[in-house]
Amino acid sequence: MALMMYLQNSIGKQLKWLYPTNPDNADEWLEQEIYRAASDSRAADVFASVFYLPKPRPLNYLINELWKGPTAVVQGVLDPLNDAKGRAAQLSSLCPGLRVWEVQAGHCPHDEAPEAINAALLQFVDEEVMQQRASDQQLQHQQQQGQIVATTSS
């Protein structure tokens, strides 16, 4: 309970710390929304529940073994809560098809630096998704024209 009271009374200060390059984006509306949620009568129960969740699967397993598709990570490298740059580098080394964009922002880069996030995502969609789609369409066209014969092994 003391932790919740401390957090409720220091939301603005914590937000400014989490948004190092653009603290103005951690505005009064965001502070009030966090305060409203933290003041809910069940907030402490929600906070405590994270200690009883099942252990998550490693992210590299989810990307390499379950997803197996193009993946973008847009990381705020100034996140004061962890070694964000190191984590992004480690994930990149463990996932061969992963693309990492390092953004000069903190814990909430999508809110602190939305232009940089949007640019990275648009580049990813253009280079990874649209080019793959064009290649797939070209292959399909060649198959339809009889230039490529699909074979199956029995």
N, C-alpha and C. Protein backbone atom coordinates (compact mmCIF):
# COMPACT_ATOMS: atom_id res chain seq x y z
N MET A 1 0.81 -1.18 0.00
CA MET A 1 0.00 0.00 0.00
C MET A 1 0.87 1.26 0.00
N ALA A 2 1.96 1.22 0.74
CA ALA A 2 2.86 2.38 0.78
C ALA A 2 3.46 2.64 -0.59
N LEU A 3 3.77 1.55 -1.32
CA LEU A 3 4.32 1.71 -2.66
C LEU A 3 3.32 2.40 -3.57
N MET A 4 2.07 1.99 -3.50
CA MET A 4 1.04 2.60 -4.34
C MET A 4 0.89 4.09 -4.00
N MET A 5 0.94 4.43 -2.71
CA MET A 5 0.82 5.83 -2.31
C MET A 5 2.01 6.63 -2.83
N TYR A 6 3.20 6.05 -2.73
CA TYR A 6 4.39 6.74 -3.24
C TYR A 6 4.26 6.98 -4.74
N LEU A 7 3.87 5.94 -5.46
CA LEU A 7 3.75 6.06 -6.91
C LEU A 7 2.69 7.10 -7.29
N GLN A 8 1.56 7.11 -6.58
CA GLN A 8 0.50 8.07 -6.88
C GLN A 8 0.99 9.51 -6.69
N ASN A 9 1.85 9.72 -5.71
CA ASN A 9 2.31 11.08 -5.40
C ASN A 9 3.52 11.50 -6.24
N SER A 10 4.08 10.59 -7.02
CA SER A 10 5.27 10.96 -7.80
C SER A 10 5.11 10.67 -9.29
N ILE A 11 3.89 10.55 -9.76
CA ILE A 11 3.64 10.18 -11.16
C ILE A 11 4.29 11.17 -12.11
N GLY A 12 4.07 12.46 -11.91
CA GLY A 12 4.63 13.47 -12.82
C GLY A 12 6.14 13.40 -12.89
N LYS A 13 6.78 13.30 -11.75
CA LYS A 13 8.24 13.21 -11.71
C LYS A 13 8.74 11.95 -12.42
N GLN A 14 8.07 10.83 -12.18
CA GLN A 14 8.47 9.57 -12.83
C GLN A 14 8.29 9.66 -14.34
N LEU A 15 7.20 10.25 -14.79
CA LEU A 15 6.97 10.38 -16.23
C LEU A 15 8.05 11.21 -16.90
N LYS A 16 8.42 12.31 -16.28
CA LYS A 16 9.48 13.16 -16.86
C LYS A 16 10.78 12.38 -16.96
N TRP A 17 11.06 11.52 -15.99
CA TRP A 17 12.26 10.68 -15.99
C TRP A 17 12.20 9.65 -17.12
N LEU A 18 11.01 9.12 -17.40
CA LEU A 18 10.84 8.10 -18.43
C LEU A 18 10.81 8.66 -19.85
N TYR A 19 10.63 9.99 -19.98
CA TYR A 19 10.57 10.67 -21.27
C TYR A 19 11.75 11.64 -21.37
N PRO A 20 12.99 11.15 -21.44
CA PRO A 20 14.15 12.05 -21.32
C PRO A 20 14.33 13.05 -22.45
N THR A 21 13.90 12.74 -23.67
CA THR A 21 14.13 13.68 -24.77
C THR A 21 12.95 14.58 -25.05
N ASN A 22 11.77 14.21 -24.59
CA ASN A 22 10.58 15.00 -24.86
C ASN A 22 9.64 14.93 -23.66
N PRO A 23 10.05 15.46 -22.51
CA PRO A 23 9.22 15.34 -21.31
C PRO A 23 7.87 16.03 -21.43
N ASP A 24 7.71 16.96 -22.37
CA ASP A 24 6.42 17.62 -22.55
C ASP A 24 5.34 16.65 -23.03
N ASN A 25 5.75 15.55 -23.67
CA ASN A 25 4.76 14.56 -24.10
C ASN A 25 4.20 13.78 -22.92
N ALA A 26 4.87 13.81 -21.78
CA ALA A 26 4.33 13.24 -20.55
C ALA A 26 3.48 14.32 -19.90
N ASP A 27 2.34 14.57 -20.49
CA ASP A 27 1.54 15.73 -20.10
C ASP A 27 0.61 15.44 -18.93
N GLU A 28 -0.13 16.47 -18.55
CA GLU A 28 -1.03 16.37 -17.39
C GLU A 28 -2.12 15.33 -17.62
N TRP A 29 -2.62 15.20 -18.85
CA TRP A 29 -3.64 14.19 -19.15
C TRP A 29 -3.11 12.80 -18.83
N LEU A 30 -1.89 12.47 -19.29
CA LEU A 30 -1.31 11.16 -19.03
C LEU A 30 -1.14 10.94 -17.53
N GLU A 31 -0.65 11.96 -16.85
CA GLU A 31 -0.47 11.87 -15.40
C GLU A 31 -1.81 11.59 -14.70
N GLN A 32 -2.85 12.28 -15.12
CA GLN A 32 -4.17 12.08 -14.50
C GLN A 32 -4.73 10.70 -14.79
N GLU A 33 -4.51 10.20 -16.00
CA GLU A 33 -4.99 8.85 -16.34
C GLU A 33 -4.27 7.79 -15.51
N ILE A 34 -2.98 7.94 -15.33
CA ILE A 34 -2.24 6.98 -14.51
C ILE A 34 -2.70 7.08 -13.06
N TYR A 35 -2.91 8.30 -12.58
CA TYR A 35 -3.39 8.49 -11.21
C TYR A 35 -4.77 7.85 -11.04
N ARG A 36 -5.65 8.06 -12.02
CA ARG A 36 -7.00 7.47 -11.95
C ARG A 36 -6.92 5.95 -11.85
N ALA A 37 -6.11 5.34 -12.68
CA ALA A 37 -5.97 3.89 -12.66
C ALA A 37 -5.34 3.41 -11.35
N ALA A 38 -4.34 4.13 -10.87
CA ALA A 38 -3.66 3.75 -9.63
C ALA A 38 -4.56 3.94 -8.42
N SER A 39 -5.54 4.81 -8.51
CA SER A 39 -6.45 5.07 -7.40
C SER A 39 -7.61 4.08 -7.34
N ASP A 40 -7.75 3.27 -8.35
CA ASP A 40 -8.83 2.29 -8.36
C ASP A 40 -8.68 1.36 -7.16
N SER A 41 -9.79 0.95 -6.59
CA SER A 41 -9.76 0.12 -5.39
C SER A 41 -9.08 -1.23 -5.61
N ARG A 42 -8.98 -1.68 -6.83
CA ARG A 42 -8.35 -2.99 -7.11
C ARG A 42 -6.96 -2.84 -7.71
N ALA A 43 -6.43 -1.64 -7.74
CA ALA A 43 -5.11 -1.41 -8.35
C ALA A 43 -4.02 -2.23 -7.67
N ALA A 44 -4.03 -2.32 -6.36
CA ALA A 44 -3.01 -3.09 -5.65
C ALA A 44 -3.09 -4.57 -6.01
N ASP A 45 -4.31 -5.08 -6.22
CA ASP A 45 -4.48 -6.48 -6.61
C ASP A 45 -3.89 -6.73 -8.00
N VAL A 46 -4.13 -5.79 -8.91
CA VAL A 46 -3.58 -5.92 -10.26
C VAL A 46 -2.05 -5.89 -10.20
N PHE A 47 -1.52 -4.96 -9.45
CA PHE A 47 -0.06 -4.85 -9.30
C PHE A 47 0.51 -6.14 -8.73
N ALA A 48 -0.11 -6.70 -7.70
CA ALA A 48 0.38 -7.92 -7.06
C ALA A 48 0.26 -9.14 -7.98
N SER A 49 -0.70 -9.12 -8.89
CA SER A 49 -0.93 -10.29 -9.75
C SER A 49 0.24 -10.61 -10.66
N VAL A 50 1.07 -9.62 -10.97
CA VAL A 50 2.20 -9.89 -11.86
C VAL A 50 3.17 -10.89 -11.25
N PHE A 51 3.16 -11.03 -9.95
CA PHE A 51 4.06 -11.98 -9.29
C PHE A 51 3.57 -13.42 -9.40
N TYR A 52 2.34 -13.61 -9.86
CA TYR A 52 1.75 -14.95 -9.94
C TYR A 52 1.50 -15.40 -11.37
N LEU A 53 1.92 -14.60 -12.33
CA LEU A 53 1.77 -14.99 -13.73
C LEU A 53 2.75 -16.10 -14.08
N PRO A 54 2.40 -16.95 -15.04
CA PRO A 54 3.37 -17.97 -15.46
C PRO A 54 4.60 -17.32 -16.08
N LYS A 55 5.72 -18.00 -15.98
CA LYS A 55 6.96 -17.49 -16.55
C LYS A 55 6.78 -17.34 -18.07
N PRO A 56 7.11 -16.16 -18.62
CA PRO A 56 6.93 -15.97 -20.06
C PRO A 56 7.97 -16.74 -20.87
N ARG A 57 7.61 -17.03 -22.10
CA ARG A 57 8.57 -17.66 -23.01
C ARG A 57 9.56 -16.61 -23.48
N PRO A 58 10.79 -17.01 -23.72
CA PRO A 58 11.79 -16.04 -24.22
C PRO A 58 11.34 -15.46 -25.56
N LEU A 59 11.58 -14.17 -25.73
CA LEU A 59 11.15 -13.48 -26.94
C LEU A 59 11.80 -14.08 -28.19
N ASN A 60 13.07 -14.47 -28.09
CA ASN A 60 13.71 -15.06 -29.27
C ASN A 60 13.03 -16.37 -29.68
N TYR A 61 12.51 -17.14 -28.73
CA TYR A 61 11.77 -18.36 -29.06
C TYR A 61 10.48 -18.00 -29.80
N LEU A 62 9.77 -17.01 -29.31
CA LEU A 62 8.52 -16.62 -29.95
C LEU A 62 8.76 -16.14 -31.38
N ILE A 63 9.84 -15.40 -31.59
CA ILE A 63 10.14 -14.87 -32.93
C ILE A 63 10.65 -15.97 -33.86
N ASN A 64 11.63 -16.75 -33.39
CA ASN A 64 12.27 -17.74 -34.26
C ASN A 64 11.44 -19.00 -34.48
N GLU A 65 10.75 -19.46 -33.46
CA GLU A 65 10.07 -20.75 -33.54
C GLU A 65 8.57 -20.65 -33.81
N LEU A 66 7.92 -19.63 -33.31
CA LEU A 66 6.48 -19.54 -33.49
C LEU A 66 6.09 -18.58 -34.61
N TRP A 67 6.68 -17.41 -34.65
CA TRP A 67 6.31 -16.42 -35.66
C TRP A 67 7.01 -16.70 -36.98
N LYS A 68 8.31 -16.77 -37.00
CA LYS A 68 9.14 -17.08 -38.17
C LYS A 68 8.96 -16.10 -39.32
N GLY A 69 8.54 -14.91 -39.04
CA GLY A 69 8.33 -13.93 -40.09
C GLY A 69 9.16 -12.67 -39.84
N PRO A 70 9.03 -11.71 -40.73
CA PRO A 70 9.78 -10.46 -40.56
C PRO A 70 9.35 -9.77 -39.26
N THR A 71 10.33 -9.26 -38.54
CA THR A 71 10.07 -8.67 -37.23
C THR A 71 10.84 -7.37 -37.07
N ALA A 72 10.14 -6.36 -36.58
CA ALA A 72 10.76 -5.06 -36.32
C ALA A 72 10.75 -4.81 -34.82
N VAL A 73 11.87 -4.31 -34.32
CA VAL A 73 11.96 -3.85 -32.93
C VAL A 73 12.39 -2.39 -33.00
N VAL A 74 11.56 -1.52 -32.46
CA VAL A 74 11.89 -0.10 -32.40
C VAL A 74 12.09 0.21 -30.92
N GLN A 75 13.32 0.43 -30.55
CA GLN A 75 13.70 0.50 -29.14
C GLN A 75 14.13 1.90 -28.74
N GLY A 76 13.53 2.41 -27.69
CA GLY A 76 13.99 3.65 -27.08
C GLY A 76 15.25 3.34 -26.28
N VAL A 77 16.38 3.75 -26.78
CA VAL A 77 17.66 3.35 -26.16
C VAL A 77 18.00 4.16 -24.92
N LEU A 78 17.20 5.15 -24.59
CA LEU A 78 17.45 5.94 -23.38
C LEU A 78 16.53 5.52 -22.24
N ASP A 79 15.92 4.35 -22.35
CA ASP A 79 15.01 3.86 -21.32
C ASP A 79 15.77 3.71 -20.01
N PRO A 80 15.40 4.44 -18.97
CA PRO A 80 16.13 4.37 -17.73
C PRO A 80 15.82 3.12 -16.90
N LEU A 81 14.84 2.31 -17.33
CA LEU A 81 14.46 1.14 -16.56
C LEU A 81 15.28 -0.10 -16.88
N ASN A 82 16.02 -0.08 -17.98
CA ASN A 82 16.82 -1.25 -18.34
C ASN A 82 17.90 -0.86 -19.33
N ASP A 83 18.76 -1.81 -19.64
CA ASP A 83 19.79 -1.61 -20.65
C ASP A 83 19.16 -1.86 -22.02
N ALA A 84 18.38 -0.90 -22.47
CA ALA A 84 17.60 -1.07 -23.69
C ALA A 84 18.47 -1.34 -24.91
N LYS A 85 19.56 -0.63 -25.02
CA LYS A 85 20.45 -0.82 -26.17
C LYS A 85 21.05 -2.23 -26.15
N GLY A 86 21.47 -2.68 -24.99
CA GLY A 86 22.03 -4.02 -24.85
C GLY A 86 21.00 -5.10 -25.13
N ARG A 87 19.77 -4.90 -24.66
CA ARG A 87 18.71 -5.87 -24.90
C ARG A 87 18.38 -5.97 -26.38
N ALA A 88 18.33 -4.83 -27.07
CA ALA A 88 18.05 -4.84 -28.50
C ALA A 88 19.16 -5.55 -29.26
N ALA A 89 20.41 -5.31 -28.87
CA ALA A 89 21.55 -5.97 -29.53
C ALA A 89 21.51 -7.47 -29.29
N GLN A 90 21.18 -7.87 -28.07
CA GLN A 90 21.12 -9.30 -27.75
C GLN A 90 20.00 -9.97 -28.55
N LEU A 91 18.85 -9.36 -28.61
CA LEU A 91 17.74 -9.93 -29.36
C LEU A 91 18.09 -10.02 -30.84
N SER A 92 18.76 -9.00 -31.35
CA SER A 92 19.17 -9.00 -32.75
C SER A 92 20.14 -10.16 -33.04
N SER A 93 21.04 -10.43 -32.11
CA SER A 93 22.00 -11.52 -32.32
C SER A 93 21.33 -12.89 -32.23
N LEU A 94 20.22 -12.99 -31.52
CA LEU A 94 19.52 -14.27 -31.35
C LEU A 94 18.47 -14.53 -32.42
N CYS A 95 18.08 -13.49 -33.16
CA CYS A 95 17.01 -13.62 -34.14
C CYS A 95 17.51 -13.11 -35.49
N PRO A 96 17.92 -14.04 -36.38
CA PRO A 96 18.55 -13.63 -37.64
C PRO A 96 17.74 -12.68 -38.52
N GLY A 97 16.43 -12.79 -38.58
CA GLY A 97 15.64 -11.94 -39.48
C GLY A 97 15.13 -10.66 -38.85
N LEU A 98 15.56 -10.38 -37.65
CA LEU A 98 15.05 -9.23 -36.92
C LEU A 98 15.71 -7.93 -37.37
N ARG A 99 14.92 -6.86 -37.47
CA ARG A 99 15.44 -5.52 -37.76
C ARG A 99 15.26 -4.67 -36.52
N VAL A 100 16.31 -3.98 -36.11
CA VAL A 100 16.25 -3.13 -34.93
C VAL A 100 16.48 -1.68 -35.33
N TRP A 101 15.62 -0.80 -34.84
CA TRP A 101 15.81 0.63 -34.96
C TRP A 101 16.02 1.16 -33.55
N GLU A 102 17.10 1.88 -33.36
CA GLU A 102 17.38 2.49 -32.06
C GLU A 102 16.95 3.94 -32.12
N VAL A 103 16.01 4.29 -31.27
CA VAL A 103 15.44 5.63 -31.25
C VAL A 103 15.95 6.35 -30.00
N GLN A 104 16.33 7.59 -30.16
CA GLN A 104 16.77 8.40 -29.03
C GLN A 104 15.55 8.84 -28.23
N ALA A 105 15.06 7.91 -27.43
CA ALA A 105 13.88 8.14 -26.60
C ALA A 105 13.95 7.20 -25.41
N GLY A 106 13.03 7.38 -24.49
CA GLY A 106 13.04 6.60 -23.26
C GLY A 106 12.10 5.41 -23.29
N HIS A 107 11.39 5.19 -22.18
CA HIS A 107 10.60 3.99 -21.95
C HIS A 107 9.38 3.88 -22.87
N CYS A 108 8.83 4.98 -23.30
CA CYS A 108 7.63 4.98 -24.16
C CYS A 108 7.95 5.69 -25.47
N PRO A 109 8.81 5.12 -26.30
CA PRO A 109 9.25 5.83 -27.50
C PRO A 109 8.11 6.17 -28.46
N HIS A 110 7.08 5.33 -28.49
CA HIS A 110 5.93 5.60 -29.38
C HIS A 110 5.22 6.89 -28.99
N ASP A 111 5.28 7.27 -27.73
CA ASP A 111 4.63 8.48 -27.25
C ASP A 111 5.62 9.65 -27.20
N GLU A 112 6.85 9.34 -26.88
CA GLU A 112 7.87 10.39 -26.75
C GLU A 112 8.39 10.86 -28.11
N ALA A 113 8.55 9.94 -29.04
CA ALA A 113 9.10 10.27 -30.36
C ALA A 113 8.28 9.59 -31.46
N PRO A 114 7.00 9.94 -31.60
CA PRO A 114 6.15 9.24 -32.57
C PRO A 114 6.62 9.35 -34.01
N GLU A 115 7.25 10.47 -34.37
CA GLU A 115 7.72 10.62 -35.76
C GLU A 115 8.81 9.58 -36.07
N ALA A 116 9.71 9.36 -35.14
CA ALA A 116 10.77 8.38 -35.36
C ALA A 116 10.21 6.96 -35.42
N ILE A 117 9.24 6.67 -34.58
CA ILE A 117 8.61 5.35 -34.58
C ILE A 117 7.88 5.13 -35.91
N ASN A 118 7.11 6.11 -36.33
CA ASN A 118 6.37 5.99 -37.59
C ASN A 118 7.32 5.81 -38.77
N ALA A 119 8.43 6.55 -38.79
CA ALA A 119 9.39 6.42 -39.89
C ALA A 119 9.98 5.01 -39.92
N ALA A 120 10.33 4.48 -38.76
CA ALA A 120 10.90 3.13 -38.70
C ALA A 120 9.88 2.09 -39.18
N LEU A 121 8.65 2.21 -38.71
CA LEU A 121 7.63 1.24 -39.11
C LEU A 121 7.31 1.33 -40.60
N LEU A 122 7.25 2.54 -41.14
CA LEU A 122 7.01 2.69 -42.58
C LEU A 122 8.15 2.09 -43.40
N GLN A 123 9.39 2.31 -42.95
CA GLN A 123 10.54 1.72 -43.63
C GLN A 123 10.47 0.19 -43.58
N PHE A 124 10.12 -0.35 -42.43
CA PHE A 124 10.00 -1.79 -42.27
C PHE A 124 8.93 -2.36 -43.20
N VAL A 125 7.77 -1.74 -43.22
CA VAL A 125 6.68 -2.22 -44.08
C VAL A 125 7.11 -2.15 -45.54
N ASP A 126 7.75 -1.06 -45.94
CA ASP A 126 8.19 -0.91 -47.32
C ASP A 126 9.24 -1.96 -47.70
N GLU A 127 10.26 -2.10 -46.86
CA GLU A 127 11.39 -2.97 -47.20
C GLU A 127 11.12 -4.45 -46.95
N GLU A 128 10.40 -4.77 -45.92
CA GLU A 128 10.21 -6.18 -45.56
C GLU A 128 8.89 -6.77 -46.03
N VAL A 129 7.84 -6.00 -45.90
CA VAL A 129 6.52 -6.54 -46.20
C VAL A 129 6.16 -6.33 -47.67
N MET A 130 6.25 -5.09 -48.15
CA MET A 130 5.83 -4.81 -49.53
C MET A 130 6.76 -5.46 -50.55
N GLN A 131 8.04 -5.47 -50.30
CA GLN A 131 8.96 -6.10 -51.24
C GLN A 131 8.74 -7.61 -51.28
N GLN A 132 8.45 -8.22 -50.13
CA GLN A 132 8.15 -9.65 -50.12
C GLN A 132 6.86 -9.93 -50.87
N ARG A 133 5.88 -9.07 -50.70
CA ARG A 133 4.61 -9.23 -51.41
C ARG A 133 4.83 -9.13 -52.92
N ALA A 134 5.66 -8.17 -53.35
CA ALA A 134 5.96 -8.03 -54.77
C ALA A 134 6.66 -9.27 -55.31
N SER A 135 7.60 -9.82 -54.53
CA SER A 135 8.29 -11.04 -54.95
C SER A 135 7.32 -12.20 -55.06
N ASP A 136 6.41 -12.32 -54.11
CA ASP A 136 5.41 -13.38 -54.13
C ASP A 136 4.50 -13.25 -55.34
N GLN A 137 4.11 -12.01 -55.65
CA GLN A 137 3.24 -11.79 -56.80
C GLN A 137 3.97 -12.10 -58.11
N GLN A 138 5.26 -11.76 -58.17
CA GLN A 138 6.04 -12.06 -59.36
C GLN A 138 6.17 -13.57 -59.54
N LEU A 139 6.43 -14.29 -58.47
CA LEU A 139 6.54 -15.75 -58.53
C LEU A 139 5.21 -16.36 -58.96
N GLN A 140 4.12 -15.87 -58.42
CA GLN A 140 2.80 -16.36 -58.79
C GLN A 140 2.53 -16.11 -60.27
N HIS A 141 2.88 -14.93 -60.76
CA HIS A 141 2.70 -14.60 -62.17
C HIS A 141 3.53 -15.55 -63.06
N GLN A 142 4.78 -15.79 -62.66
CA GLN A 142 5.64 -16.69 -63.44
C GLN A 142 5.07 -18.10 -63.45
N GLN A 143 4.50 -18.54 -62.33
CA GLN A 143 3.89 -19.87 -62.28
C GLN A 143 2.68 -19.93 -63.20
N GLN A 144 1.89 -18.86 -63.20
CA GLN A 144 0.70 -18.83 -64.06
C GLN A 144 1.09 -18.83 -65.53
N GLN A 145 2.21 -18.22 -65.88
CA GLN A 145 2.67 -18.16 -67.26
C GLN A 145 3.41 -19.42 -67.68
N GLY A 146 3.57 -20.36 -66.74
CA GLY A 146 4.27 -21.60 -67.05
C GLY A 146 5.77 -21.46 -67.07
N GLN A 147 6.29 -20.33 -66.60
CA GLN A 147 7.74 -20.13 -66.56
C GLN A 147 8.38 -20.91 -65.41
N ILE A 148 7.60 -21.22 -64.40
CA ILE A 148 8.09 -21.98 -63.26
C ILE A 148 7.10 -23.09 -63.02
N VAL A 149 7.59 -24.29 -62.88
CA VAL A 149 6.72 -25.44 -62.61
C VAL A 149 6.90 -25.82 -61.16
N ALA A 150 5.82 -25.83 -60.43
CA ALA A 150 5.85 -26.23 -59.03
C ALA A 150 5.97 -27.74 -58.96
N THR A 151 6.86 -28.22 -58.16
CA THR A 151 7.04 -29.66 -58.00
C THR A 151 6.80 -30.03 -56.55
N THR A 152 6.34 -31.26 -56.38
CA THR A 152 6.15 -31.80 -55.03
C THR A 152 6.87 -33.11 -54.95
N SER A 153 7.39 -33.40 -53.79
CA SER A 153 8.06 -34.69 -53.61
C SER A 153 7.08 -35.65 -52.97
N SER A 154 7.19 -36.91 -53.33
CA SER A 154 6.27 -37.89 -52.78
C SER A 154 6.95 -38.86 -51.86
